[in-house]
Amino acid sequence: MSALEEWKQRVADCRNARQRPDEEMWQRLARWYDEWVAHNDYVDVILARILPYLGRSTRVLEIGPGSGAFTIPLASRVRELVTIEPSLAMREVLESNLAQAGLSNVRIIPERAEEGLESLGGPFDLALAAHSLYNISSIDDVLQSLVALARRTVVLMGIGEQSTWYRALHRRFKREDRIPSPHLGHLYPLLLDLGVCADVEVIWVSSNYVYETEEDLLDWWSYHLHLDGDRRTTLRSALLALAERRGDGIGIYDRRRVALVTIDANRNLSDQNGGCATALSEALTSDLDDVLDLSG
């Protein structure tokens, strides 16, 4: 099976396992996502790495901005930011957040990336896709479009690891392993097949699920695991064994590794006939194969 076929199969498997329409899921996530960002550090960690690419004359393309975790800090630093966001619920929250921030240099295209990129005019100085490529089946077309449109493309995604507590919780209440979304172990071989050179940095970030009350904690995970009735009581006990009370909230606090994949269009033009060299910077491993082997 080719890298593209493996990616498409994983997307199909994840869609089949979700049990709910995409828009229903995004409606629930839209407001919660701002809370997630407030209790985690990954936006600040990633921004520190991409801000050197930006300036007041910079033009940025963002795929899947969600509620604007990256959009707002980026838009305040650049000339223009174009976003492609298919979810109505996410767009409504994004528009509200942009209005509150007083930003008017953001254009929102209400389409899926596969369609929105077709009529988009470049060039862009930076294209950003932060945890937003997982549900795209025609990923080859999207990646090639991004490389053609932007001088530099940055993709943030998981590396296939699942937290021990999350894996155990899913097994206990779903009686099966959760299928991880497409991750670095799928993306990197695909980039090689496409002849696209990329640098990879694997970074530790927080992964905290924080709620105002115990009932909010229970409601979230009951919905996520599709549980009701008597099983909520058992779930409550399992969650309280994992959760900590900090300040006025209660949460499950953890850390995880994510991959920052950077594609330089100029480098790809110059390396077309010379092969792709890969750089990996990560505290615990200097071997890219070790990360790519985490392909659950």
Protein backbone atom coordinates (compact mmCIF):
# COMPACT_ATOMS: atom_id res chain seq x y z
CA MET A 1 0.00 0.00 0.00
CA SER A 2 1.39 3.41 -0.96
CA ALA A 3 1.76 6.25 1.55
CA LEU A 4 -1.20 8.04 -0.03
CA GLU A 5 -3.35 4.92 0.16
CA GLU A 6 -2.41 4.46 3.82
CA TRP A 7 -3.35 8.08 4.57
CA LYS A 8 -6.71 7.74 2.81
CA GLN A 9 -7.44 4.47 4.58
CA ARG A 10 -6.71 6.03 7.98
CA VAL A 11 -8.98 8.99 7.21
CA ALA A 12 -11.78 6.60 6.20
CA ASP A 13 -11.28 4.47 9.32
CA CYS A 14 -11.43 7.52 11.58
CA ARG A 15 -14.58 8.82 9.89
CA ASN A 16 -16.28 5.45 10.30
CA ALA A 17 -15.36 5.35 13.99
CA ARG A 18 -16.66 8.84 14.84
CA GLN A 19 -20.38 7.92 14.97
CA ARG A 20 -21.43 11.57 14.61
CA PRO A 21 -21.55 14.01 11.68
CA ASP A 22 -18.55 16.34 11.45
CA GLU A 23 -20.57 19.54 11.93
CA GLU A 24 -22.23 18.21 15.10
CA MET A 25 -18.78 17.53 16.49
CA TRP A 26 -17.51 21.00 15.58
CA GLN A 27 -20.55 22.67 17.09
CA ARG A 28 -19.64 21.14 20.43
CA LEU A 29 -15.93 21.88 20.07
CA ALA A 30 -16.25 25.48 18.87
CA ARG A 31 -16.65 27.20 22.24
CA TRP A 32 -14.70 24.58 24.18
CA TYR A 33 -11.66 25.08 21.99
CA ASP A 34 -10.98 28.55 23.40
CA GLU A 35 -10.94 27.00 26.88
CA TRP A 36 -8.53 24.30 25.71
CA VAL A 37 -6.13 26.93 24.38
CA ALA A 38 -6.33 28.93 27.60
CA HIS A 39 -5.15 25.92 29.63
CA ASN A 40 -2.40 24.73 27.27
CA ASP A 41 0.89 26.09 25.98
CA TYR A 42 1.10 24.76 22.43
CA VAL A 43 0.04 28.01 20.74
CA ASP A 44 2.79 29.97 22.49
CA VAL A 45 5.34 27.22 21.84
CA ILE A 46 4.56 27.08 18.11
CA LEU A 47 4.23 30.85 17.68
CA ALA A 48 7.74 31.29 19.01
CA ARG A 49 8.97 29.13 16.13
CA ILE A 50 7.03 30.80 13.31
CA LEU A 51 7.14 34.47 14.31
CA PRO A 52 10.63 34.89 12.80
CA TYR A 53 9.03 34.23 9.40
CA LEU A 54 6.58 37.13 9.77
CA GLY A 55 6.65 40.88 9.23
CA ARG A 56 4.25 43.75 8.69
CA SER A 57 4.17 43.08 4.95
CA THR A 58 3.64 39.33 5.33
CA ARG A 59 0.72 37.53 3.75
CA VAL A 60 -0.42 34.35 5.56
CA LEU A 61 -2.71 31.47 4.61
CA GLU A 62 -4.22 29.38 7.41
CA ILE A 63 -5.99 26.07 6.87
CA GLY A 64 -8.59 25.25 9.52
CA PRO A 65 -8.23 28.24 11.90
CA GLY A 66 -10.97 26.98 14.21
CA SER A 67 -11.82 29.67 16.76
CA GLY A 68 -8.67 31.63 16.01
CA ALA A 69 -6.00 30.39 18.42
CA PHE A 70 -3.29 31.19 15.86
CA THR A 71 -5.31 33.52 13.65
CA ILE A 72 -5.59 36.35 16.15
CA PRO A 73 -1.93 36.59 17.24
CA LEU A 74 -0.80 36.17 13.62
CA ALA A 75 -3.23 38.72 12.18
CA SER A 76 -2.01 41.36 14.63
CA ARG A 77 1.49 41.01 13.16
CA VAL A 78 0.92 40.67 9.39
CA ARG A 79 -0.58 42.58 6.47
CA GLU A 80 -3.20 40.01 5.46
CA LEU A 81 -4.37 36.63 6.67
CA VAL A 82 -6.59 34.37 4.56
CA THR A 83 -8.27 31.45 6.32
CA ILE A 84 -10.15 28.44 4.99
CA GLU A 85 -12.69 27.14 7.51
CA PRO A 86 -15.50 24.73 6.49
CA SER A 87 -17.34 24.61 9.85
CA LEU A 88 -20.14 27.14 10.35
CA ALA A 89 -19.89 26.81 14.14
CA MET A 90 -16.16 27.48 14.09
CA ARG A 91 -16.56 30.42 11.70
CA GLU A 92 -19.11 32.06 13.98
CA VAL A 93 -16.79 31.83 16.99
CA LEU A 94 -13.83 32.98 14.89
CA GLU A 95 -15.73 36.01 13.59
CA SER A 96 -16.77 36.92 17.14
CA ASN A 97 -13.19 36.59 18.41
CA LEU A 98 -11.83 38.67 15.54
CA ALA A 99 -14.39 41.41 16.22
CA GLN A 100 -13.47 41.46 19.91
CA ALA A 101 -9.80 41.77 18.95
CA GLY A 102 -10.59 44.62 16.52
CA LEU A 103 -8.95 42.84 13.57
CA SER A 104 -10.13 43.55 10.02
CA ASN A 105 -7.31 42.07 7.93
CA VAL A 106 -8.61 38.47 8.02
CA ARG A 107 -10.57 36.95 5.15
CA ILE A 108 -12.53 33.76 5.89
CA ILE A 109 -13.26 31.35 3.03
CA PRO A 110 -16.20 29.09 4.06
CA GLU A 111 -15.09 25.96 2.23
CA ARG A 112 -13.13 22.78 2.75
CA ALA A 113 -9.43 23.09 1.98
CA GLU A 114 -9.80 20.82 -1.05
CA GLU A 115 -12.16 23.32 -2.71
CA GLY A 116 -10.94 26.58 -1.19
CA LEU A 117 -7.38 26.23 -2.44
CA GLU A 118 -8.42 25.75 -6.06
CA SER A 119 -9.35 29.38 -6.70
CA LEU A 120 -6.96 31.01 -4.23
CA GLY A 121 -4.34 33.35 -5.57
CA GLY A 122 -0.83 33.43 -4.18
CA PRO A 123 1.82 33.94 -3.31
CA PHE A 124 1.76 33.72 0.48
CA ASP A 125 4.78 34.11 2.69
CA LEU A 126 3.52 31.43 5.07
CA ALA A 127 0.88 28.71 4.98
CA LEU A 128 -0.10 27.21 8.35
CA ALA A 129 -2.10 24.04 9.01
CA ALA A 130 -2.27 23.44 12.76
CA HIS A 131 -3.96 20.12 13.56
CA SER A 132 -6.24 20.64 10.55
CA LEU A 133 -5.22 18.10 7.89
CA TYR A 134 -6.48 14.94 9.64
CA ASN A 135 -9.82 14.73 7.83
CA ILE A 136 -8.57 15.51 4.32
CA SER A 137 -8.61 12.49 2.05
CA SER A 138 -7.07 14.14 -1.03
CA ILE A 139 -4.08 15.21 1.04
CA ASP A 140 -1.68 14.99 -1.91
CA ASP A 141 -3.56 17.70 -3.82
CA VAL A 142 -3.75 19.92 -0.75
CA LEU A 143 -0.05 19.60 0.08
CA GLN A 144 1.00 20.29 -3.50
CA SER A 145 -1.28 23.34 -3.60
CA LEU A 146 0.21 24.69 -0.37
CA VAL A 147 3.76 24.25 -1.62
CA ALA A 148 2.82 26.03 -4.86
CA LEU A 149 1.06 28.91 -3.06
CA ALA A 150 3.40 29.61 -0.15
CA ARG A 151 7.10 30.29 0.25
CA ARG A 152 7.01 28.31 3.49
CA THR A 153 4.42 25.79 4.70
CA VAL A 154 4.19 24.79 8.36
CA VAL A 155 2.13 21.77 9.43
CA LEU A 156 1.48 20.92 13.07
CA MET A 157 0.25 17.42 13.85
CA GLY A 158 0.49 14.50 16.25
CA ILE A 159 3.09 11.75 16.02
CA GLY A 160 0.76 8.84 16.75
CA GLU A 161 1.31 8.56 20.47
CA GLN A 162 -1.68 8.20 22.77
CA SER A 163 -1.60 9.03 26.46
CA THR A 164 -1.65 5.94 28.63
CA TRP A 165 -4.66 7.17 30.59
CA TYR A 166 -6.60 8.04 27.42
CA ARG A 167 -5.88 4.70 25.79
CA ALA A 168 -6.96 2.84 28.94
CA LEU A 169 -10.13 4.92 29.27
CA HIS A 170 -11.10 4.26 25.67
CA ARG A 171 -10.47 0.53 25.97
CA ARG A 172 -12.44 0.29 29.19
CA PHE A 173 -15.56 2.09 28.01
CA LYS A 174 -15.51 1.48 24.25
CA ARG A 175 -14.11 -2.07 24.52
CA GLU A 176 -11.75 -1.37 21.65
CA ASP A 177 -8.62 0.65 20.87
CA ARG A 178 -9.10 4.15 19.57
CA ILE A 179 -7.92 4.63 16.00
CA PRO A 180 -5.40 7.51 15.96
CA SER A 181 -5.86 10.18 13.32
CA PRO A 182 -3.34 10.37 10.48
CA HIS A 183 -0.05 11.56 11.95
CA LEU A 184 3.62 12.14 11.19
CA GLY A 185 4.15 8.46 10.46
CA HIS A 186 1.70 8.83 7.58
CA LEU A 187 2.58 12.36 6.47
CA TYR A 188 6.35 12.08 6.18
CA PRO A 189 6.45 9.05 3.83
CA LEU A 190 3.79 10.77 1.75
CA LEU A 191 5.90 13.90 1.44
CA LEU A 192 8.84 11.77 0.30
CA ASP A 193 6.64 10.08 -2.31
CA LEU A 194 5.58 13.52 -3.55
CA GLY A 195 9.22 14.61 -3.73
CA VAL A 196 8.65 17.30 -1.10
CA CYS A 197 11.53 18.06 1.27
CA ALA A 198 10.59 18.86 4.85
CA ASP A 199 12.26 19.56 8.17
CA VAL A 200 10.71 17.99 11.26
CA GLU A 201 10.92 19.15 14.84
CA VAL A 202 9.24 17.07 17.55
CA ILE A 203 8.18 19.19 20.50
CA TRP A 204 6.79 18.57 23.97
CA VAL A 205 3.61 20.56 24.74
CA SER A 206 0.97 20.42 27.45
CA SER A 207 -2.19 18.36 26.93
CA ASN A 208 -4.54 19.49 29.68
CA TYR A 209 -8.28 18.86 29.78
CA VAL A 210 -9.59 21.40 32.28
CA TYR A 211 -13.20 22.06 33.32
CA GLU A 212 -14.99 24.38 35.73
CA THR A 213 -16.86 21.63 37.57
CA GLU A 214 -16.88 17.88 38.06
CA GLU A 215 -20.16 17.72 36.12
CA ASP A 216 -18.56 19.51 33.16
CA LEU A 217 -15.76 16.93 33.22
CA LEU A 218 -18.28 14.09 33.28
CA ASP A 219 -20.50 15.61 30.58
CA TRP A 220 -17.58 16.12 28.21
CA TRP A 221 -16.25 12.59 28.46
CA SER A 222 -19.72 11.02 28.47
CA TYR A 223 -20.35 12.72 25.13
CA HIS A 224 -16.91 11.86 23.81
CA LEU A 225 -17.24 8.18 24.71
CA HIS A 226 -20.96 7.95 23.80
CA LEU A 227 -22.00 6.91 27.31
CA ASP A 228 -25.23 7.45 29.24
CA GLY A 229 -27.27 5.96 32.06
CA ASP A 230 -25.58 3.73 34.59
CA ARG A 231 -22.21 3.85 32.84
CA ARG A 232 -21.85 7.52 33.75
CA THR A 233 -21.45 6.53 37.37
CA THR A 234 -18.59 4.19 36.51
CA LEU A 235 -17.08 6.84 34.23
CA ARG A 236 -17.22 9.43 37.01
CA SER A 237 -15.14 7.19 39.27
CA ALA A 238 -12.61 6.54 36.48
CA LEU A 239 -12.28 10.25 35.70
CA LEU A 240 -11.92 11.33 39.31
CA ALA A 241 -9.07 8.84 39.69
CA LEU A 242 -7.27 10.71 36.87
CA ALA A 243 -8.28 14.31 37.60
CA GLU A 244 -6.69 16.94 39.80
CA ARG A 245 -8.29 19.99 41.35
CA ARG A 246 -6.25 23.11 40.72
CA GLY A 247 -7.56 26.53 41.66
CA ASP A 248 -11.23 26.80 40.78
CA GLY A 249 -11.18 23.99 38.20
CA ILE A 250 -10.71 20.27 37.79
CA GLY A 251 -8.70 18.67 35.04
CA ILE A 252 -6.58 15.88 33.66
CA TYR A 253 -3.06 17.24 33.21
CA ASP A 254 -0.56 15.69 30.83
CA ARG A 255 2.13 16.37 28.23
CA ARG A 256 2.52 15.02 24.70
CA ARG A 257 4.77 15.28 21.68
CA VAL A 258 3.72 16.99 18.46
CA ALA A 259 5.50 17.37 15.15
CA LEU A 260 6.23 20.69 13.47
CA VAL A 261 6.81 20.00 9.77
CA THR A 262 8.31 22.86 7.76
CA ILE A 263 8.43 22.92 3.97
CA ASP A 264 10.49 25.58 2.23
CA ALA A 265 9.32 26.09 -1.36
CA ASN A 266 12.66 27.55 -2.50
CA ARG A 267 14.52 24.57 -1.07
CA ASN A 268 12.21 22.18 -2.85
CA LEU A 269 12.83 23.93 -6.15
CA SER A 270 16.59 23.70 -5.67
CA ASP A 271 16.47 20.08 -4.42
CA GLN A 272 14.25 18.68 -7.15
CA ASN A 273 17.02 16.54 -8.57
CA GLY A 274 19.14 16.12 -5.47
CA GLY A 275 16.91 14.30 -3.01
CA CYS A 276 15.55 15.49 0.33
CA ALA A 277 17.65 16.04 3.42
CA THR A 278 15.80 15.96 6.72
CA ALA A 279 16.57 17.75 9.97
CA LEU A 280 15.09 16.62 13.26
CA SER A 281 15.46 18.47 16.54
CA GLU A 282 13.99 16.79 19.60
CA ALA A 283 15.16 16.44 23.18
CA LEU A 284 14.79 12.69 23.60
CA THR A 285 15.61 11.29 20.18
CA SER A 286 17.74 12.34 17.23
CA ASP A 287 16.55 9.52 14.98
CA LEU A 288 13.59 10.32 12.72
CA ASP A 289 12.93 6.62 12.21
CA ASP A 290 12.23 6.29 15.95
CA VAL A 291 9.43 8.83 15.68
CA LEU A 292 8.04 7.41 12.47
CA ASP A 293 7.87 3.97 14.08
CA LEU A 294 5.21 5.34 16.45
CA SER A 295 2.58 4.67 13.81
CA GLY A 296 -0.30 3.20 15.79
